[in-house]
Amino acid sequence: MARKKFIAGNWKMNTTPAEGIALAREIVTQAKNISDVDIAICPPYTHLAAIGEIIKDSPIKLGAQDVHWEPKGAFTGKISAAMLGAAGVTYVIIGHSEQRTYFHETDVSVNKKIKAALGGGLLPIVCIGETLEERNSGKMEGVLKTQITGGFAGIAKNDALKCTIAYEPVWAIGTGVNASPEQANQAHIFIRSIFSSLYDVQFAQAVRIQYGGSMKPDNAKQLLQQSDVDGGLIGGASLKAADFMGIVIPR
């Protein structure tokens, strides 16, 4: 089954609104004729509505970096699926390793956020991945299986098909170290095997799995040529239009 490549830029806590608007305009200019790759950019919350206006007539979709599982209420500092949808958001990143590491994200909260996002009409980008210690101690497969089964507990196949998976080896995020193309591909193949057991083979072959660990223009082509790597969740390299587009259209 041919899976369309999907490149998403996670800007993290970077750019002021003015800087973000300028970056979005550059990306729109360079991406205006692209139709064979799905593209999303995920700016900070403060930029969402303004950038949504800039990209609305382009191939680029708007993403957010997180969502809360409750629809509204006394949750200071959080943002709901309805609020994101009203700002023009299509995709939302859930379970990023930085959320898991610094802000106590768990498989239970990931599961609640996926359900809230789907219920609000958003398309989740669900992040999973192991630390260097877990990989070196032979726990990688167990960690990925636990994260997937916990994250997707009680989620029907038709809903799960709306999700993208982002495999992000934690040891390769922001470190400049990336998994080899073969390492990334083997992890993606294993992830498909988990989904095959959780749902079925057809689902496992349909779901898109991005690689999310220091993908850059100079390694994107090799990574994206792998059989089971369906795109990238891009951090640092998404903050320069030329670098980001060098991944969207690798040379």
C-alpha atoms as a PDB file:
ATOM      1  CA  MET A   1       0.000   0.000   0.000  1.00  0.00           C
ATOM      2  CA  ALA A   2       1.382   3.391  -1.002  1.00  0.00           C
ATOM      3  CA  ARG A   3       1.437   5.779   1.928  1.00  0.00           C
ATOM      4  CA  LYS A   4       1.739   9.485   1.160  1.00  0.00           C
ATOM      5  CA  LYS A   5       4.735  11.084   2.855  1.00  0.00           C
ATOM      6  CA  PHE A   6       3.937  13.509   5.679  1.00  0.00           C
ATOM      7  CA  ILE A   7       6.407  16.127   6.939  1.00  0.00           C
ATOM      8  CA  ALA A   8       5.413  18.128  10.026  1.00  0.00           C
ATOM      9  CA  GLY A   9       7.441  20.950  11.565  1.00  0.00           C
ATOM     10  CA  ASN A  10       7.375  21.186  15.365  1.00  0.00           C
ATOM     11  CA  TRP A  11       8.555  24.677  16.240  1.00  0.00           C
ATOM     12  CA  LYS A  12       8.508  23.928  19.976  1.00  0.00           C
ATOM     13  CA  MET A  13       8.963  27.056  22.170  1.00  0.00           C
ATOM     14  CA  ASN A  14      10.613  29.104  19.436  1.00  0.00           C
ATOM     15  CA  THR A  15       9.760  32.266  17.463  1.00  0.00           C
ATOM     16  CA  THR A  16       7.802  35.346  18.429  1.00  0.00           C
ATOM     17  CA  PRO A  17       4.518  35.846  16.556  1.00  0.00           C
ATOM     18  CA  ALA A  18       6.257  38.185  14.072  1.00  0.00           C
ATOM     19  CA  GLU A  19       9.087  35.720  13.493  1.00  0.00           C
ATOM     20  CA  GLY A  20       6.615  32.858  13.102  1.00  0.00           C
ATOM     21  CA  ILE A  21       4.524  34.766  10.589  1.00  0.00           C
ATOM     22  CA  ALA A  22       7.631  35.553   8.534  1.00  0.00           C
ATOM     23  CA  LEU A  23       8.723  31.901   8.624  1.00  0.00           C
ATOM     24  CA  ALA A  24       5.262  30.685   7.623  1.00  0.00           C
ATOM     25  CA  ARG A  25       5.212  33.088   4.673  1.00  0.00           C
ATOM     26  CA  GLU A  26       8.584  31.777   3.478  1.00  0.00           C
ATOM     27  CA  ILE A  27       7.398  28.176   3.710  1.00  0.00           C
ATOM     28  CA  VAL A  28       4.154  28.970   1.872  1.00  0.00           C
ATOM     29  CA  THR A  29       6.111  30.589  -0.960  1.00  0.00           C
ATOM     30  CA  GLN A  30       8.372  27.561  -1.347  1.00  0.00           C
ATOM     31  CA  ALA A  31       5.626  24.944  -0.925  1.00  0.00           C
ATOM     32  CA  LYS A  32       2.897  26.409  -3.128  1.00  0.00           C
ATOM     33  CA  ASN A  33       3.178  23.818  -5.908  1.00  0.00           C
ATOM     34  CA  ILE A  34       3.727  20.713  -3.778  1.00  0.00           C
ATOM     35  CA  SER A  35       0.961  18.098  -3.852  1.00  0.00           C
ATOM     36  CA  ASP A  36       2.723  14.756  -3.417  1.00  0.00           C
ATOM     37  CA  VAL A  37       3.728  15.343   0.223  1.00  0.00           C
ATOM     38  CA  ASP A  38       1.472  16.317   3.122  1.00  0.00           C
ATOM     39  CA  ILE A  39       2.931  19.260   5.060  1.00  0.00           C
ATOM     40  CA  ALA A  40       2.051  20.715   8.461  1.00  0.00           C
ATOM     41  CA  ILE A  41       3.629  23.328  10.700  1.00  0.00           C
ATOM     42  CA  CYS A  42       3.059  23.403  14.458  1.00  0.00           C
ATOM     43  CA  PRO A  43       3.810  26.856  15.915  1.00  0.00           C
ATOM     44  CA  PRO A  44       3.299  27.978  19.525  1.00  0.00           C
ATOM     45  CA  TYR A  45      -0.311  28.622  20.559  1.00  0.00           C
ATOM     46  CA  THR A  46       0.122  32.403  20.383  1.00  0.00           C
ATOM     47  CA  HIS A  47       0.722  32.221  16.622  1.00  0.00           C
ATOM     48  CA  LEU A  48      -1.931  29.716  15.578  1.00  0.00           C
ATOM     49  CA  ALA A  49      -4.733  31.971  14.403  1.00  0.00           C
ATOM     50  CA  ALA A  50      -2.443  34.385  12.521  1.00  0.00           C
ATOM     51  CA  ILE A  51      -0.492  31.618  10.810  1.00  0.00           C
ATOM     52  CA  GLY A  52      -3.717  29.809  10.007  1.00  0.00           C
ATOM     53  CA  GLU A  53      -4.721  32.834   7.920  1.00  0.00           C
ATOM     54  CA  ILE A  54      -1.373  32.863   6.096  1.00  0.00           C
ATOM     55  CA  ILE A  55      -1.466  29.190   5.098  1.00  0.00           C
ATOM     56  CA  LYS A  56      -5.201  28.792   4.411  1.00  0.00           C
ATOM     57  CA  ASP A  57      -4.891  28.872   0.617  1.00  0.00           C
ATOM     58  CA  SER A  58      -1.725  26.764   0.525  1.00  0.00           C
ATOM     59  CA  PRO A  59      -1.029  23.014   0.723  1.00  0.00           C
ATOM     60  CA  ILE A  60       0.187  23.472   4.309  1.00  0.00           C
ATOM     61  CA  LYS A  61      -1.943  22.417   7.271  1.00  0.00           C
ATOM     62  CA  LEU A  62      -1.819  23.916  10.757  1.00  0.00           C
ATOM     63  CA  GLY A  63      -0.821  21.833  13.757  1.00  0.00           C
ATOM     64  CA  ALA A  64      -0.675  22.435  17.501  1.00  0.00           C
ATOM     65  CA  GLN A  65       1.890  21.105  19.961  1.00  0.00           C
ATOM     66  CA  ASP A  66      -0.467  19.664  22.572  1.00  0.00           C
ATOM     67  CA  VAL A  67      -4.094  19.515  23.708  1.00  0.00           C
ATOM     68  CA  HIS A  68      -5.873  18.952  27.011  1.00  0.00           C
ATOM     69  CA  TRP A  69      -8.351  16.103  27.376  1.00  0.00           C
ATOM     70  CA  GLU A  70     -11.119  18.139  29.000  1.00  0.00           C
ATOM     71  CA  PRO A  71     -13.422  20.289  26.833  1.00  0.00           C
ATOM     72  CA  LYS A  72     -13.274  23.289  29.203  1.00  0.00           C
ATOM     73  CA  GLY A  73     -12.919  24.212  32.838  1.00  0.00           C
ATOM     74  CA  ALA A  74     -10.463  25.241  35.532  1.00  0.00           C
ATOM     75  CA  PHE A  75      -7.281  24.030  33.826  1.00  0.00           C
ATOM     76  CA  THR A  76      -5.033  27.086  33.828  1.00  0.00           C
ATOM     77  CA  GLY A  77      -2.510  27.127  31.015  1.00  0.00           C
ATOM     78  CA  LYS A  78      -4.165  24.332  29.009  1.00  0.00           C
ATOM     79  CA  ILE A  79      -5.970  24.418  25.670  1.00  0.00           C
ATOM     80  CA  SER A  80      -8.913  22.365  24.423  1.00  0.00           C
ATOM     81  CA  ALA A  81      -9.582  20.612  21.131  1.00  0.00           C
ATOM     82  CA  ALA A  82     -12.442  23.030  20.427  1.00  0.00           C
ATOM     83  CA  MET A  83     -10.164  26.041  20.939  1.00  0.00           C
ATOM     84  CA  LEU A  84      -7.600  24.569  18.557  1.00  0.00           C
ATOM     85  CA  GLY A  85     -10.211  23.757  15.965  1.00  0.00           C
ATOM     86  CA  ALA A  86     -11.552  27.313  16.134  1.00  0.00           C
ATOM     87  CA  ALA A  87      -8.020  28.585  15.442  1.00  0.00           C
ATOM     88  CA  GLY A  88      -7.880  26.558  12.234  1.00  0.00           C
ATOM     89  CA  VAL A  89      -5.840  23.630  13.550  1.00  0.00           C
ATOM     90  CA  THR A  90      -5.954  20.284  11.698  1.00  0.00           C
ATOM     91  CA  TYR A  91      -3.217  18.249  13.436  1.00  0.00           C
ATOM     92  CA  VAL A  92      -2.123  18.051  17.055  1.00  0.00           C
ATOM     93  CA  ILE A  93       1.056  16.524  18.499  1.00  0.00           C
ATOM     94  CA  ILE A  94       0.366  14.236  21.455  1.00  0.00           C
ATOM     95  CA  GLY A  95       2.815  12.476  23.752  1.00  0.00           C
ATOM     96  CA  HIS A  96       5.992  14.202  22.585  1.00  0.00           C
ATOM     97  CA  SER A  97       9.046  12.979  24.490  1.00  0.00           C
ATOM     98  CA  GLU A  98       9.548  16.441  25.988  1.00  0.00           C
ATOM     99  CA  GLN A  99       6.021  16.294  27.395  1.00  0.00           C
ATOM    100  CA  ARG A 100       6.749  12.821  28.776  1.00  0.00           C
ATOM    101  CA  THR A 101      10.151  13.838  30.190  1.00  0.00           C
ATOM    102  CA  TYR A 102       9.454  17.283  31.633  1.00  0.00           C
ATOM    103  CA  PHE A 103       5.696  17.506  32.159  1.00  0.00           C
ATOM    104  CA  HIS A 104       4.674  14.090  33.465  1.00  0.00           C
ATOM    105  CA  GLU A 105       2.897  12.862  30.329  1.00  0.00           C
ATOM    106  CA  THR A 106       1.875   9.210  30.689  1.00  0.00           C
ATOM    107  CA  ASP A 107       0.341   6.627  28.391  1.00  0.00           C
ATOM    108  CA  VAL A 108      -2.932   7.225  30.251  1.00  0.00           C
ATOM    109  CA  SER A 109      -2.905  10.975  29.549  1.00  0.00           C
ATOM    110  CA  VAL A 110      -1.840  10.327  25.943  1.00  0.00           C
ATOM    111  CA  ASN A 111      -4.868   8.038  25.565  1.00  0.00           C
ATOM    112  CA  LYS A 112      -7.215  10.684  26.971  1.00  0.00           C
ATOM    113  CA  LYS A 113      -5.730  13.354  24.713  1.00  0.00           C
ATOM    114  CA  ILE A 114      -6.049  11.177  21.595  1.00  0.00           C
ATOM    115  CA  LYS A 115      -9.720  10.593  22.384  1.00  0.00           C
ATOM    116  CA  ALA A 116     -10.309  14.304  23.030  1.00  0.00           C
ATOM    117  CA  ALA A 117      -8.541  15.312  19.814  1.00  0.00           C
ATOM    118  CA  LEU A 118     -10.481  12.822  17.697  1.00  0.00           C
ATOM    119  CA  GLY A 119     -13.714  13.877  19.372  1.00  0.00           C
ATOM    120  CA  GLY A 120     -12.904  17.474  18.455  1.00  0.00           C
ATOM    121  CA  GLY A 121     -12.220  16.662  14.816  1.00  0.00           C
ATOM    122  CA  LEU A 122      -8.434  16.945  15.075  1.00  0.00           C
ATOM    123  CA  LEU A 123      -5.892  14.510  13.629  1.00  0.00           C
ATOM    124  CA  PRO A 124      -3.386  13.310  16.259  1.00  0.00           C
ATOM    125  CA  ILE A 125       0.333  12.896  15.653  1.00  0.00           C
ATOM    126  CA  VAL A 126       1.095  10.396  18.411  1.00  0.00           C
ATOM    127  CA  CYS A 127       4.715  10.289  19.559  1.00  0.00           C
ATOM    128  CA  ILE A 128       6.409   7.182  20.899  1.00  0.00           C
ATOM    129  CA  GLY A 129      10.055   6.320  21.515  1.00  0.00           C
ATOM    130  CA  GLU A 130      12.674   4.937  23.837  1.00  0.00           C
ATOM    131  CA  THR A 131      15.523   6.538  25.762  1.00  0.00           C
ATOM    132  CA  LEU A 132      19.149   5.583  25.159  1.00  0.00           C
ATOM    133  CA  GLU A 133      19.200   3.627  28.421  1.00  0.00           C
ATOM    134  CA  GLU A 134      16.103   1.678  27.372  1.00  0.00           C
ATOM    135  CA  ARG A 135      17.571   0.922  23.955  1.00  0.00           C
ATOM    136  CA  ASN A 136      20.941  -0.168  25.366  1.00  0.00           C
ATOM    137  CA  SER A 137      19.325  -2.418  27.952  1.00  0.00           C
ATOM    138  CA  GLY A 138      17.206  -4.219  25.369  1.00  0.00           C
ATOM    139  CA  LYS A 139      13.924  -2.637  26.433  1.00  0.00           C
ATOM    140  CA  MET A 140      13.125  -0.756  23.213  1.00  0.00           C
ATOM    141  CA  GLU A 141      10.485  -3.184  21.955  1.00  0.00           C
ATOM    142  CA  GLY A 142       8.801  -3.437  25.349  1.00  0.00           C
ATOM    143  CA  VAL A 143       8.700   0.358  25.724  1.00  0.00           C
ATOM    144  CA  LEU A 144       7.173   0.860  22.266  1.00  0.00           C
ATOM    145  CA  LYS A 145       4.598  -1.881  22.818  1.00  0.00           C
ATOM    146  CA  THR A 146       3.578  -0.409  26.185  1.00  0.00           C
ATOM    147  CA  GLN A 147       3.295   3.115  24.771  1.00  0.00           C
ATOM    148  CA  ILE A 148       1.184   1.980  21.796  1.00  0.00           C
ATOM    149  CA  THR A 149      -1.159  -0.354  23.680  1.00  0.00           C
ATOM    150  CA  GLY A 150      -1.638   2.206  26.461  1.00  0.00           C
ATOM    151  CA  GLY A 151      -2.046   5.142  24.122  1.00  0.00           C
ATOM    152  CA  PHE A 152      -4.565   3.407  21.876  1.00  0.00           C
ATOM    153  CA  ALA A 153      -6.551   1.585  24.565  1.00  0.00           C
ATOM    154  CA  GLY A 154     -10.269   1.649  23.735  1.00  0.00           C
ATOM    155  CA  ILE A 155      -9.762   3.478  20.420  1.00  0.00           C
ATOM    156  CA  ALA A 156     -11.628   1.903  17.515  1.00  0.00           C
ATOM    157  CA  LYS A 157      -9.790   1.070  14.295  1.00  0.00           C
ATOM    158  CA  ASN A 158     -11.651   3.711  12.256  1.00  0.00           C
ATOM    159  CA  ASP A 159     -10.584   6.391  14.727  1.00  0.00           C
ATOM    160  CA  ALA A 160      -7.038   5.084  15.010  1.00  0.00           C
ATOM    161  CA  LEU A 161      -6.711   5.347  11.230  1.00  0.00           C
ATOM    162  CA  LYS A 162      -6.961   9.130  11.622  1.00  0.00           C
ATOM    163  CA  CYS A 163      -3.729   9.131  13.634  1.00  0.00           C
ATOM    164  CA  THR A 164      -0.140   9.471  12.482  1.00  0.00           C
ATOM    165  CA  ILE A 165       2.582   7.824  14.555  1.00  0.00           C
ATOM    166  CA  ALA A 166       5.866   9.655  15.142  1.00  0.00           C
ATOM    167  CA  TYR A 167       8.699   7.369  16.217  1.00  0.00           C
ATOM    168  CA  GLU A 168      11.157   9.550  18.078  1.00  0.00           C
ATOM    169  CA  PRO A 169      14.109   7.807  19.679  1.00  0.00           C
ATOM    170  CA  VAL A 170      14.579  10.130  22.640  1.00  0.00           C
ATOM    171  CA  TRP A 171      18.357   9.819  22.395  1.00  0.00           C
ATOM    172  CA  ALA A 172      18.261  11.370  18.907  1.00  0.00           C
ATOM    173  CA  ILE A 173      16.125  14.452  19.640  1.00  0.00           C
ATOM    174  CA  GLY A 174      17.964  17.743  19.586  1.00  0.00           C
ATOM    175  CA  THR A 175      21.277  15.937  20.017  1.00  0.00           C
ATOM    176  CA  GLY A 176      22.397  15.980  16.410  1.00  0.00           C
ATOM    177  CA  VAL A 177      22.623  12.191  16.641  1.00  0.00           C
ATOM    178  CA  ASN A 178      20.135  10.301  14.540  1.00  0.00           C
ATOM    179  CA  ALA A 179      19.270   6.660  14.172  1.00  0.00           C
ATOM    180  CA  SER A 180      20.748   5.172  11.033  1.00  0.00           C
ATOM    181  CA  PRO A 181      18.211   4.766   8.229  1.00  0.00           C
ATOM    182  CA  GLU A 182      18.293   1.025   8.885  1.00  0.00           C
ATOM    183  CA  GLN A 183      17.741   1.457  12.637  1.00  0.00           C
ATOM    184  CA  ALA A 184      14.820   3.790  11.995  1.00  0.00           C
ATOM    185  CA  ASN A 185      13.268   1.440   9.469  1.00  0.00           C
ATOM    186  CA  GLN A 186      13.583  -1.606  11.735  1.00  0.00           C
ATOM    187  CA  ALA A 187      11.853   0.294  14.533  1.00  0.00           C
ATOM    188  CA  HIS A 188       9.050   1.317  12.150  1.00  0.00           C
ATOM    189  CA  ILE A 189       8.621  -2.290  10.991  1.00  0.00           C
ATOM    190  CA  PHE A 190       8.368  -3.396  14.625  1.00  0.00           C
ATOM    191  CA  ILE A 191       5.795  -0.649  15.326  1.00  0.00           C
ATOM    192  CA  ARG A 192       3.693  -1.963  12.434  1.00  0.00           C
ATOM    193  CA  SER A 193       3.841  -5.442  13.935  1.00  0.00           C
ATOM    194  CA  ILE A 194       2.380  -4.092  17.180  1.00  0.00           C
ATOM    195  CA  PHE A 195      -0.450  -2.386  15.309  1.00  0.00           C
ATOM    196  CA  SER A 196      -1.038  -5.576  13.328  1.00  0.00           C
ATOM    197  CA  SER A 197      -1.676  -7.368  16.622  1.00  0.00           C
ATOM    198  CA  LEU A 198      -3.687  -4.491  18.088  1.00  0.00           C
ATOM    199  CA  TYR A 199      -5.904  -4.024  15.006  1.00  0.00           C
ATOM    200  CA  ASP A 200      -5.006  -5.982  11.854  1.00  0.00           C
ATOM    201  CA  VAL A 201      -2.484  -6.229   9.029  1.00  0.00           C
ATOM    202  CA  GLN A 202      -4.425  -3.822   6.814  1.00  0.00           C
ATOM    203  CA  PHE A 203      -4.311  -1.160   9.530  1.00  0.00           C
ATOM    204  CA  ALA A 204      -0.598  -1.742  10.106  1.00  0.00           C
ATOM    205  CA  GLN A 205       0.114  -1.215   6.414  1.00  0.00           C
ATOM    206  CA  ALA A 206      -2.090   1.884   6.194  1.00  0.00           C
ATOM    207  CA  VAL A 207      -0.908   3.850   9.246  1.00  0.00           C
ATOM    208  CA  ARG A 208       1.742   6.485   8.558  1.00  0.00           C
ATOM    209  CA  ILE A 209       4.843   6.418  10.748  1.00  0.00           C
ATOM    210  CA  GLN A 210       7.067   9.482  10.782  1.00  0.00           C
ATOM    211  CA  TYR A 211      10.644   9.499  12.016  1.00  0.00           C
ATOM    212  CA  GLY A 212      11.299  12.167  14.625  1.00  0.00           C
ATOM    213  CA  GLY A 213      14.926  12.275  15.641  1.00  0.00           C
ATOM    214  CA  SER A 214      17.232  14.956  14.194  1.00  0.00           C
ATOM    215  CA  MET A 215      16.074  14.613  10.579  1.00  0.00           C
ATOM    216  CA  LYS A 216      17.851  17.246   8.509  1.00  0.00           C
ATOM    217  CA  PRO A 217      18.246  18.045   4.791  1.00  0.00           C
ATOM    218  CA  ASP A 218      21.478  16.053   4.613  1.00  0.00           C
ATOM    219  CA  ASN A 219      20.001  12.804   5.971  1.00  0.00           C
ATOM    220  CA  ALA A 220      16.343  13.141   4.949  1.00  0.00           C
ATOM    221  CA  LYS A 221      16.648  11.443   1.577  1.00  0.00           C
ATOM    222  CA  GLN A 222      18.199   8.268   2.989  1.00  0.00           C
ATOM    223  CA  LEU A 223      15.668   8.091   5.806  1.00  0.00           C
ATOM    224  CA  LEU A 224      12.673   8.762   3.557  1.00  0.00           C
ATOM    225  CA  GLN A 225      13.789   6.124   1.063  1.00  0.00           C
ATOM    226  CA  GLN A 226      13.317   3.404   3.685  1.00  0.00           C
ATOM    227  CA  SER A 227      10.365   1.100   3.129  1.00  0.00           C
ATOM    228  CA  ASP A 228       8.519   1.966   6.341  1.00  0.00           C
ATOM    229  CA  VAL A 229       9.508   5.586   7.008  1.00  0.00           C
ATOM    230  CA  ASP A 230       6.554   7.709   5.912  1.00  0.00           C
ATOM    231  CA  GLY A 231       7.809  11.180   6.725  1.00  0.00           C
ATOM    232  CA  GLY A 232       9.274  13.179   9.555  1.00  0.00           C
ATOM    233  CA  LEU A 233       8.350  15.155  12.647  1.00  0.00           C
ATOM    234  CA  ILE A 234      10.955  17.894  12.362  1.00  0.00           C
ATOM    235  CA  GLY A 235      12.242  19.989  15.255  1.00  0.00           C
ATOM    236  CA  GLY A 236      15.220  22.314  14.819  1.00  0.00           C
ATOM    237  CA  ALA A 237      15.343  22.032  11.046  1.00  0.00           C
ATOM    238  CA  SER A 238      11.762  23.330  10.790  1.00  0.00           C
ATOM    239  CA  LEU A 239      12.826  26.768  12.036  1.00  0.00           C
ATOM    240  CA  LYS A 240      14.475  27.727   8.730  1.00  0.00           C
ATOM    241  CA  ALA A 241      12.344  27.575   5.614  1.00  0.00           C
ATOM    242  CA  ALA A 242      15.205  26.348   3.417  1.00  0.00           C
ATOM    243  CA  ASP A 243      16.078  23.519   5.824  1.00  0.00           C
ATOM    244  CA  PHE A 244      12.453  22.477   6.253  1.00  0.00           C
ATOM    245  CA  MET A 245      11.798  22.472   2.522  1.00  0.00           C
ATOM    246  CA  GLY A 246      15.064  20.581   2.027  1.00  0.00           C
ATOM    247  CA  ILE A 247      13.362  17.768   3.942  1.00  0.00           C
ATOM    248  CA  VAL A 248      10.000  18.101   2.222  1.00  0.00           C
ATOM    249  CA  ILE A 249      11.820  17.823  -1.125  1.00  0.00           C
ATOM    250  CA  PRO A 250      15.078  16.071  -0.244  1.00  0.00           C
ATOM    251  CA  ARG A 251      17.935  16.286  -2.711  1.00  0.00           C
END
